[in-house]
C-alpha atoms as a PDB file:
ATOM      1  CA  UNK A   1      -0.099   0.014  -0.104  1.00  0.00           C
ATOM      2  CA  UNK A   2       2.536   2.635  -1.267  1.00  0.00           C
ATOM      3  CA  UNK A   3      -0.583   5.168  -2.238  1.00  0.00           C
ATOM      4  CA  UNK A   4       0.102   8.399  -0.423  1.00  0.00           C
ATOM      5  CA  UNK A   5      -3.782   8.821  -0.170  1.00  0.00           C
ATOM      6  CA  UNK A   6      -4.087   5.690   2.115  1.00  0.00           C
ATOM      7  CA  UNK A   7      -1.966   7.676   4.627  1.00  0.00           C
ATOM      8  CA  UNK A   8      -4.155  10.658   4.296  1.00  0.00           C
ATOM      9  CA  UNK A   9      -7.438   8.854   4.605  1.00  0.00           C
ATOM     10  CA  UNK A  10      -5.811   7.388   8.238  1.00  0.00           C
ATOM     11  CA  UNK A  11      -4.586  10.440   9.360  1.00  0.00           C
ATOM     12  CA  UNK A  12      -7.748  11.990   8.698  1.00  0.00           C
ATOM     13  CA  UNK A  13      -9.577   9.660  10.746  1.00  0.00           C
ATOM     14  CA  UNK A  14      -7.355  10.124  13.327  1.00  0.00           C
ATOM     15  CA  UNK A  15      -7.701  13.640  13.427  1.00  0.00           C
ATOM     16  CA  UNK A  16     -11.434  13.784  13.542  1.00  0.00           C
ATOM     17  CA  UNK A  17     -11.683  10.692  16.148  1.00  0.00           C
ATOM     18  CA  UNK A  18      -8.959  12.076  18.955  1.00  0.00           C
ATOM     19  CA  UNK A  19     -11.358  13.562  21.006  1.00  0.00           C
ATOM     20  CA  UNK A  20     -13.157  10.176  21.585  1.00  0.00           C
ATOM     21  CA  UNK A  21      -9.727   8.333  22.067  1.00  0.00           C
ATOM     22  CA  UNK A  22      -8.471  11.089  24.515  1.00  0.00           C
ATOM     23  CA  UNK A  23     -12.036  10.883  26.330  1.00  0.00           C
ATOM     24  CA  UNK A  24     -11.634   6.984  26.393  1.00  0.00           C
ATOM     25  CA  UNK A  25      -8.391   7.018  28.013  1.00  0.00           C
ATOM     26  CA  UNK A  26      -9.453   9.808  30.392  1.00  0.00           C
ATOM     27  CA  UNK A  27     -12.600   7.753  31.670  1.00  0.00           C
ATOM     28  CA  UNK A  28     -10.741   4.401  31.908  1.00  0.00           C
ATOM     29  CA  UNK A  29      -8.018   6.243  33.850  1.00  0.00           C
ATOM     30  CA  UNK A  30     -10.739   7.779  36.088  1.00  0.00           C
ATOM     31  CA  UNK A  31     -12.180   4.487  36.648  1.00  0.00           C
ATOM     32  CA  UNK A  32      -8.666   2.960  37.773  1.00  0.00           C
ATOM     33  CA  UNK A  33      -8.357   5.817  40.112  1.00  0.00           C
ATOM     34  CA  UNK A  34     -11.517   4.815  41.788  1.00  0.00           C
ATOM     35  CA  UNK A  35     -10.355   1.191  42.239  1.00  0.00           C
ATOM     36  CA  UNK A  36      -7.212   2.423  44.358  1.00  0.00           C
ATOM     37  CA  UNK A  37     -10.023   3.596  46.900  1.00  0.00           C
ATOM     38  CA  UNK A  38      -9.768  -0.165  47.797  1.00  0.00           C
ATOM     39  CA  UNK A  39     -13.290  -0.277  49.433  1.00  0.00           C
ATOM     40  CA  UNK A  40     -15.822  -2.583  47.787  1.00  0.00           C
ATOM     41  CA  UNK A  41     -18.214  -0.184  46.235  1.00  0.00           C
ATOM     42  CA  UNK A  42     -15.637   1.892  44.753  1.00  0.00           C
ATOM     43  CA  UNK A  43     -13.922  -1.198  43.501  1.00  0.00           C
ATOM     44  CA  UNK A  44     -16.736  -2.574  41.920  1.00  0.00           C
ATOM     45  CA  UNK A  45     -17.764   0.711  40.428  1.00  0.00           C
ATOM     46  CA  UNK A  46     -14.274   1.369  39.063  1.00  0.00           C
ATOM     47  CA  UNK A  47     -14.379  -2.013  37.489  1.00  0.00           C
ATOM     48  CA  UNK A  48     -17.643  -1.650  35.829  1.00  0.00           C
ATOM     49  CA  UNK A  49     -16.785   1.828  34.276  1.00  0.00           C
ATOM     50  CA  UNK A  50     -13.322   0.600  33.208  1.00  0.00           C
ATOM     51  CA  UNK A  51     -14.953  -1.794  31.045  1.00  0.00           C
ATOM     52  CA  UNK A  52     -17.442   0.692  30.195  1.00  0.00           C
ATOM     53  CA  UNK A  53     -15.131   2.679  28.608  1.00  0.00           C
ATOM     54  CA  UNK A  54     -13.767   0.096  26.584  1.00  0.00           C
ATOM     55  CA  UNK A  55     -17.330  -1.106  25.579  1.00  0.00           C
ATOM     56  CA  UNK A  56     -18.558   2.586  24.801  1.00  0.00           C
ATOM     57  CA  UNK A  57     -15.452   3.416  22.647  1.00  0.00           C
ATOM     58  CA  UNK A  58     -15.928   0.109  20.682  1.00  0.00           C
ATOM     59  CA  UNK A  59     -19.206   0.958  19.791  1.00  0.00           C
ATOM     60  CA  UNK A  60     -18.755   4.859  19.055  1.00  0.00           C
ATOM     61  CA  UNK A  61     -15.642   4.694  16.798  1.00  0.00           C
ATOM     62  CA  UNK A  62     -17.239   2.528  13.919  1.00  0.00           C
ATOM     63  CA  UNK A  63     -20.518   4.649  14.019  1.00  0.00           C
ATOM     64  CA  UNK A  64     -18.324   8.016  13.743  1.00  0.00           C
ATOM     65  CA  UNK A  65     -15.568   6.723  11.607  1.00  0.00           C
ATOM     66  CA  UNK A  66     -17.362   4.468   9.234  1.00  0.00           C
ATOM     67  CA  UNK A  67     -21.404   4.849   9.382  1.00  0.00           C
ATOM     68  CA  UNK A  68     -21.373   8.823   9.775  1.00  0.00           C
ATOM     69  CA  UNK A  69     -18.987   8.889   6.670  1.00  0.00           C
ATOM     70  CA  UNK A  70     -21.523   6.848   4.313  1.00  0.00           C
ATOM     71  CA  UNK A  71     -24.629   8.876   6.075  1.00  0.00           C
ATOM     72  CA  UNK A  72     -22.939  12.078   5.476  1.00  0.00           C
ATOM     73  CA  UNK A  73     -22.116  11.067   1.852  1.00  0.00           C
ATOM     74  CA  UNK A  74     -18.408  11.879   2.154  1.00  0.00           C
ATOM     75  CA  UNK A  75     -17.908   8.294   0.864  1.00  0.00           C
ATOM     76  CA  UNK A  76     -18.727   9.165  -2.590  1.00  0.00           C
ATOM     77  CA  UNK A  77     -16.208  11.951  -2.400  1.00  0.00           C
ATOM     78  CA  UNK A  78     -13.509   9.689  -1.046  1.00  0.00           C
ATOM     79  CA  UNK A  79     -13.888   7.148  -3.773  1.00  0.00           C
ATOM     80  CA  UNK A  80     -13.682  10.097  -6.335  1.00  0.00           C
ATOM     81  CA  UNK A  81      -9.808  10.131  -5.106  1.00  0.00           C
ATOM     82  CA  UNK A  82      -7.123   8.315  -6.606  1.00  0.00           C
ATOM     83  CA  UNK A  83      -7.458   5.374  -4.555  1.00  0.00           C
ATOM     84  CA  UNK A  84      -9.186   1.879  -5.075  1.00  0.00           C
ATOM     85  CA  UNK A  85     -11.794   0.114  -3.024  1.00  0.00           C
ATOM     86  CA  UNK A  86      -9.548  -1.982  -1.691  1.00  0.00           C
ATOM     87  CA  UNK A  87      -7.191   0.763  -0.621  1.00  0.00           C
ATOM     88  CA  UNK A  88      -9.934   2.569   0.957  1.00  0.00           C
ATOM     89  CA  UNK A  89     -10.667  -0.642   2.908  1.00  0.00           C
ATOM     90  CA  UNK A  90      -7.340  -0.985   4.014  1.00  0.00           C
ATOM     91  CA  UNK A  91      -7.288   2.527   5.216  1.00  0.00           C
ATOM     92  CA  UNK A  92     -10.572   2.478   7.192  1.00  0.00           C
ATOM     93  CA  UNK A  93      -9.426  -1.173   8.802  1.00  0.00           C
ATOM     94  CA  UNK A  94      -6.137   0.266   9.943  1.00  0.00           C
ATOM     95  CA  UNK A  95      -7.228   3.812  11.189  1.00  0.00           C
ATOM     96  CA  UNK A  96     -10.381   2.313  12.987  1.00  0.00           C
ATOM     97  CA  UNK A  97      -8.565  -0.703  14.568  1.00  0.00           C
ATOM     98  CA  UNK A  98      -5.647   1.371  15.292  1.00  0.00           C
ATOM     99  CA  UNK A  99      -7.752   3.805  17.010  1.00  0.00           C
ATOM    100  CA  UNK A 100      -8.968   1.426  19.322  1.00  0.00           C
ATOM    101  CA  UNK A 101      -6.146  -0.562  20.154  1.00  0.00           C
ATOM    102  CA  UNK A 102      -4.144   2.705  21.271  1.00  0.00           C
ATOM    103  CA  UNK A 103      -6.637   2.973  24.235  1.00  0.00           C
ATOM    104  CA  UNK A 104      -7.354  -0.614  24.935  1.00  0.00           C
ATOM    105  CA  UNK A 105      -3.916  -1.339  25.219  1.00  0.00           C
ATOM    106  CA  UNK A 106      -2.953   1.771  27.368  1.00  0.00           C
ATOM    107  CA  UNK A 107      -5.793   0.945  29.729  1.00  0.00           C
ATOM    108  CA  UNK A 108      -5.223  -2.551  29.837  1.00  0.00           C
ATOM    109  CA  UNK A 109      -1.447  -2.068  30.648  1.00  0.00           C
ATOM    110  CA  UNK A 110      -2.542   0.515  33.179  1.00  0.00           C
ATOM    111  CA  UNK A 111      -4.828  -1.923  34.952  1.00  0.00           C
ATOM    112  CA  UNK A 112      -2.124  -4.982  35.169  1.00  0.00           C
ATOM    113  CA  UNK A 113       0.608  -2.340  36.302  1.00  0.00           C
ATOM    114  CA  UNK A 114      -2.262  -1.240  39.012  1.00  0.00           C
ATOM    115  CA  UNK A 115      -2.943  -4.656  40.230  1.00  0.00           C
ATOM    116  CA  UNK A 116       0.929  -5.374  40.499  1.00  0.00           C
ATOM    117  CA  UNK A 117       1.375  -2.048  42.616  1.00  0.00           C
ATOM    118  CA  UNK A 118      -1.493  -1.512  44.970  1.00  0.00           C
ATOM    119  CA  UNK A 119      -2.309  -5.115  46.167  1.00  0.00           C
ATOM    120  CA  UNK A 120      -5.168  -5.901  44.249  1.00  0.00           C
ATOM    121  CA  UNK A 121      -5.149 -10.109  44.147  1.00  0.00           C
ATOM    122  CA  UNK A 122      -3.305 -11.224  40.837  1.00  0.00           C
ATOM    123  CA  UNK A 123      -5.810 -13.807  40.538  1.00  0.00           C
ATOM    124  CA  UNK A 124      -7.788 -11.177  38.894  1.00  0.00           C
ATOM    125  CA  UNK A 125      -5.241 -10.920  35.887  1.00  0.00           C
ATOM    126  CA  UNK A 126      -6.341 -13.716  33.957  1.00  0.00           C
ATOM    127  CA  UNK A 127     -10.026 -12.875  34.206  1.00  0.00           C
ATOM    128  CA  UNK A 128      -9.078  -9.263  33.392  1.00  0.00           C
ATOM    129  CA  UNK A 129      -7.503 -10.336  30.253  1.00  0.00           C
ATOM    130  CA  UNK A 130     -10.406 -12.367  29.006  1.00  0.00           C
ATOM    131  CA  UNK A 131     -12.925  -9.560  29.614  1.00  0.00           C
ATOM    132  CA  UNK A 132     -10.931  -7.007  28.144  1.00  0.00           C
ATOM    133  CA  UNK A 133     -10.267  -9.474  24.855  1.00  0.00           C
ATOM    134  CA  UNK A 134     -13.843  -9.988  24.702  1.00  0.00           C
ATOM    135  CA  UNK A 135     -14.256  -5.931  24.235  1.00  0.00           C
ATOM    136  CA  UNK A 136     -11.727  -6.241  21.597  1.00  0.00           C
ATOM    137  CA  UNK A 137     -13.529  -8.904  19.762  1.00  0.00           C
ATOM    138  CA  UNK A 138     -16.777  -7.148  20.338  1.00  0.00           C
ATOM    139  CA  UNK A 139     -15.226  -3.850  18.516  1.00  0.00           C
ATOM    140  CA  UNK A 140     -13.849  -5.760  15.732  1.00  0.00           C
ATOM    141  CA  UNK A 141     -17.272  -7.623  15.005  1.00  0.00           C
ATOM    142  CA  UNK A 142     -19.029  -3.995  15.163  1.00  0.00           C
ATOM    143  CA  UNK A 143     -16.199  -2.458  13.230  1.00  0.00           C
ATOM    144  CA  UNK A 144     -16.231  -5.168  10.678  1.00  0.00           C
ATOM    145  CA  UNK A 145     -20.115  -5.324  10.390  1.00  0.00           C
ATOM    146  CA  UNK A 146     -19.916  -1.269   9.701  1.00  0.00           C
ATOM    147  CA  UNK A 147     -17.415  -1.422   6.926  1.00  0.00           C
ATOM    148  CA  UNK A 148     -19.036  -4.327   5.154  1.00  0.00           C
ATOM    149  CA  UNK A 149     -22.458  -3.893   5.726  1.00  0.00           C
ATOM    150  CA  UNK A 150     -23.052  -0.058   4.748  1.00  0.00           C
ATOM    151  CA  UNK A 151     -26.229   0.375   6.686  1.00  0.00           C
ATOM    152  CA  UNK A 152     -27.060   1.648  10.402  1.00  0.00           C
ATOM    153  CA  UNK A 153     -29.078  -1.281  10.799  1.00  0.00           C
ATOM    154  CA  UNK A 154     -26.453  -3.864  10.508  1.00  0.00           C
ATOM    155  CA  UNK A 155     -24.381  -1.853  12.851  1.00  0.00           C
ATOM    156  CA  UNK A 156     -27.182  -1.504  15.299  1.00  0.00           C
ATOM    157  CA  UNK A 157     -27.645  -5.235  15.132  1.00  0.00           C
ATOM    158  CA  UNK A 158     -24.007  -6.016  15.739  1.00  0.00           C
ATOM    159  CA  UNK A 159     -24.006  -3.375  18.679  1.00  0.00           C
ATOM    160  CA  UNK A 160     -26.964  -5.091  20.521  1.00  0.00           C
ATOM    161  CA  UNK A 161     -25.446  -8.867  19.873  1.00  0.00           C
ATOM    162  CA  UNK A 162     -21.810  -7.985  21.098  1.00  0.00           C
ATOM    163  CA  UNK A 163     -23.225  -6.038  24.172  1.00  0.00           C
ATOM    164  CA  UNK A 164     -25.568  -8.605  25.127  1.00  0.00           C
ATOM    165  CA  UNK A 165     -22.892 -11.466  24.977  1.00  0.00           C
ATOM    166  CA  UNK A 166     -20.722  -9.694  27.596  1.00  0.00           C
ATOM    167  CA  UNK A 167     -22.816 -10.482  30.395  1.00  0.00           C
ATOM    168  CA  UNK A 168     -23.079 -13.976  29.143  1.00  0.00           C
ATOM    169  CA  UNK A 169     -19.342 -14.719  29.168  1.00  0.00           C
ATOM    170  CA  UNK A 170     -18.934 -12.854  32.576  1.00  0.00           C
ATOM    171  CA  UNK A 171     -21.549 -15.382  34.006  1.00  0.00           C
ATOM    172  CA  UNK A 172     -20.068 -18.488  32.702  1.00  0.00           C
ATOM    173  CA  UNK A 173     -16.489 -17.232  34.171  1.00  0.00           C
ATOM    174  CA  UNK A 174     -17.913 -16.633  37.568  1.00  0.00           C
ATOM    175  CA  UNK A 175     -20.272 -19.739  37.816  1.00  0.00           C
ATOM    176  CA  UNK A 176     -16.794 -21.598  37.574  1.00  0.00           C
ATOM    177  CA  UNK A 177     -15.869 -22.581  41.067  1.00  0.00           C
ATOM    178  CA  UNK A 178     -12.215 -22.836  40.573  1.00  0.00           C
ATOM    179  CA  UNK A 179     -12.036 -19.471  38.537  1.00  0.00           C
ATOM    180  CA  UNK A 180     -14.276 -17.800  41.247  1.00  0.00           C
ATOM    181  CA  UNK A 181     -11.948 -18.802  43.913  1.00  0.00           C
ATOM    182  CA  UNK A 182      -8.865 -17.904  42.172  1.00  0.00           C
ATOM    183  CA  UNK A 183     -10.127 -14.312  41.446  1.00  0.00           C
ATOM    184  CA  UNK A 184      -9.159 -13.374  45.107  1.00  0.00           C
ATOM    185  CA  UNK A 185      -5.975 -15.470  45.274  1.00  0.00           C
ATOM    186  CA  UNK A 186      -2.160 -13.964  45.314  1.00  0.00           C
ATOM    187  CA  UNK A 187      -1.145 -15.919  42.030  1.00  0.00           C
ATOM    188  CA  UNK A 188      -2.599 -15.812  38.513  1.00  0.00           C
ATOM    189  CA  UNK A 189      -4.354 -19.176  37.805  1.00  0.00           C
ATOM    190  CA  UNK A 190      -4.456 -19.875  34.121  1.00  0.00           C
ATOM    191  CA  UNK A 191      -7.465 -22.349  33.989  1.00  0.00           C
ATOM    192  CA  UNK A 192      -8.006 -24.289  30.608  1.00  0.00           C
ATOM    193  CA  UNK A 193     -11.383 -22.548  30.406  1.00  0.00           C
ATOM    194  CA  UNK A 194      -9.652 -18.981  30.359  1.00  0.00           C
ATOM    195  CA  UNK A 195      -6.880 -20.192  27.838  1.00  0.00           C
ATOM    196  CA  UNK A 196      -9.650 -21.366  25.447  1.00  0.00           C
ATOM    197  CA  UNK A 197     -11.342 -18.063  25.885  1.00  0.00           C
ATOM    198  CA  UNK A 198      -8.423 -16.083  25.494  1.00  0.00           C
ATOM    199  CA  UNK A 199      -7.276 -18.258  22.307  1.00  0.00           C
ATOM    200  CA  UNK A 200     -10.840 -18.141  21.050  1.00  0.00           C
ATOM    201  CA  UNK A 201     -11.030 -14.032  21.200  1.00  0.00           C
ATOM    202  CA  UNK A 202      -7.630 -13.939  19.313  1.00  0.00           C
ATOM    203  CA  UNK A 203      -8.829 -16.345  16.483  1.00  0.00           C
ATOM    204  CA  UNK A 204     -12.211 -14.055  16.507  1.00  0.00           C
ATOM    205  CA  UNK A 205     -10.456 -10.802  15.649  1.00  0.00           C
ATOM    206  CA  UNK A 206      -8.388 -12.471  13.398  1.00  0.00           C
ATOM    207  CA  UNK A 207     -11.209 -14.066  11.487  1.00  0.00           C
ATOM    208  CA  UNK A 208     -13.377 -10.815  11.507  1.00  0.00           C
ATOM    209  CA  UNK A 209     -10.534  -9.080   9.953  1.00  0.00           C
ATOM    210  CA  UNK A 210     -10.074 -11.936   7.146  1.00  0.00           C
ATOM    211  CA  UNK A 211     -14.031 -11.623   6.558  1.00  0.00           C
ATOM    212  CA  UNK A 212     -13.844  -7.922   6.383  1.00  0.00           C
ATOM    213  CA  UNK A 213     -11.279  -7.690   3.663  1.00  0.00           C
ATOM    214  CA  UNK A 214     -12.774 -10.888   1.541  1.00  0.00           C
ATOM    215  CA  UNK A 215     -16.483  -9.445   1.701  1.00  0.00           C
ATOM    216  CA  UNK A 216     -15.002  -6.213   0.500  1.00  0.00           C
ATOM    217  CA  UNK A 217     -13.264  -7.780  -2.274  1.00  0.00           C
ATOM    218  CA  UNK A 218     -16.379  -9.235  -3.489  1.00  0.00           C
ATOM    219  CA  UNK A 219     -18.417  -6.126  -3.646  1.00  0.00           C
ATOM    220  CA  UNK A 220     -19.356  -4.468  -7.092  1.00  0.00           C
ATOM    221  CA  UNK A 221     -20.169  -0.975  -5.617  1.00  0.00           C
ATOM    222  CA  UNK A 222     -18.651   0.685  -2.766  1.00  0.00           C
ATOM    223  CA  UNK A 223     -20.825   4.018  -2.863  1.00  0.00           C
END
């Protein structure tokens, strides 16, 4: 991808969405600050708000970066530029996924650092990574559907399905007696169920990326 237009399209998205990225990092950081109080209610609220920051960003970025671009009829102009449909797809995938990965990685790294420094049980680390990985998968599905689906209806359906799945996975995790016991332990215990979920999440992200490019390559009309 040596077309300079691709780079300009990526930078354009970053400039337009930088406020959302900054706000999501600030919201996640505030949630982690709340966790440091170490009282039950602040810890629970901080954990919930931390994951909400990741989930909300995963829902909003595809909407503002992909769906609104088509609704405001900017896509017709972009496709009039010297860029092929697949180059446009490449730019959109790189920018959208990159804009999510930066705050995602920053907040997950901050959460892990917090666990290591303020005495939160390290047994929570595997569950943290599984739940954070789930938000990454959810974002990938929503972004892929937004890019391929070309309609707000498909995007909204993906948001509903993904947001509904988070509670189901959380329930499956905490109902396991061993995992539930390990969360409060001093050592991170990598149970087979957690390793399977992490592997499935990684495979899911790769699969969504592959399907996005494949389905885009099969289209005859991009506008």
